[in-house]
Amino acid sequence: MFTSVFKSVFPAGPAPVAGLVTRFTLALAARRQRQALARLDDAALRDIGLDRASAEAECRRAAWDVPAHWLK
């Protein structure tokens, strides 16, 4: 039964599922990194070359909005 449901949802096979898992994993990583960025103080942000406004703008991005080079 699972096979028939799987084939009806993903007719092209497991590749789309792998792509979804990859995108989900990348979204979680981006969320985790942006949360860590939000916790940095101004001195730490200066150390990595960012100001508070840039860090806050990055933190407001959606979790699924990841850099294009992550998707290659």
Protein backbone atom coordinates (compact mmCIF):
# COMPACT_ATOMS: atom_id res chain seq x y z
CA MET A 1 0.00 0.00 0.00
CA PHE A 2 2.76 2.44 0.90
CA THR A 3 4.39 1.88 -2.47
CA SER A 4 1.24 2.78 -4.40
CA VAL A 5 0.69 5.91 -2.29
CA PHE A 6 4.35 6.87 -2.69
CA LYS A 7 4.18 6.40 -6.46
CA SER A 8 1.00 8.45 -6.71
CA VAL A 9 2.51 11.31 -4.72
CA PHE A 10 6.00 11.08 -6.24
CA PRO A 11 5.60 9.56 -9.71
CA ALA A 12 9.20 10.36 -10.69
CA GLY A 13 10.58 8.13 -7.93
CA PRO A 14 12.63 8.86 -4.84
CA ALA A 15 14.61 11.78 -6.30
CA PRO A 16 11.95 14.39 -5.42
CA VAL A 17 11.84 13.05 -1.87
CA ALA A 18 15.60 13.37 -1.55
CA GLY A 19 15.32 16.93 -2.83
CA LEU A 20 12.65 17.75 -0.26
CA VAL A 21 14.73 16.26 2.54
CA THR A 22 17.74 18.26 1.40
CA ARG A 23 15.74 21.50 1.25
CA PHE A 24 14.26 20.83 4.69
CA THR A 25 17.71 20.13 6.14
CA LEU A 26 19.08 23.33 4.61
CA ALA A 27 16.15 25.33 5.99
CA LEU A 28 16.82 23.96 9.47
CA ALA A 29 20.51 24.81 9.18
CA ALA A 30 19.72 28.36 8.03
CA ARG A 31 17.27 28.82 10.90
CA ARG A 32 19.80 27.57 13.43
CA GLN A 33 22.55 29.82 12.06
CA ARG A 34 20.28 32.87 11.99
CA GLN A 35 19.24 32.24 15.59
CA ALA A 36 22.91 32.09 16.58
CA LEU A 37 23.57 35.29 14.66
CA ALA A 38 20.74 37.03 16.53
CA ARG A 39 22.38 36.14 19.86
CA LEU A 40 25.71 37.79 19.02
CA ASP A 41 26.54 41.10 20.67
CA ASP A 42 27.74 44.14 18.71
CA ALA A 43 31.44 43.39 19.36
CA ALA A 44 31.10 39.84 18.01
CA LEU A 45 29.21 41.14 14.97
CA ARG A 46 32.01 43.63 14.25
CA ASP A 47 34.51 40.75 14.50
CA ILE A 48 32.75 38.99 11.63
CA GLY A 49 32.27 42.19 9.64
CA LEU A 50 28.57 42.82 10.22
CA ASP A 51 26.62 45.60 11.84
CA ARG A 52 23.44 45.12 13.87
CA ALA A 53 21.14 46.21 11.01
CA SER A 54 22.65 43.68 8.59
CA ALA A 55 22.42 40.90 11.17
CA GLU A 56 18.79 41.73 11.91
CA ALA A 57 17.96 41.78 8.20
CA GLU A 58 19.52 38.34 7.81
CA CYS A 59 17.62 37.04 10.83
CA ARG A 60 14.29 38.19 9.35
CA ARG A 61 14.77 36.10 6.20
CA ALA A 62 12.57 33.04 5.86
CA ALA A 63 14.12 29.72 6.86
CA TRP A 64 13.76 28.36 3.31
CA ASP A 65 15.50 31.43 1.85
CA VAL A 66 19.00 29.97 1.67
CA PRO A 67 21.97 31.12 -0.43
CA ALA A 68 21.90 29.77 -3.98
CA HIS A 69 25.31 28.12 -3.63
CA TRP A 70 23.87 25.87 -0.88
CA LEU A 71 21.57 24.31 -3.46
CA LYS A 72 24.28 23.08 -5.82
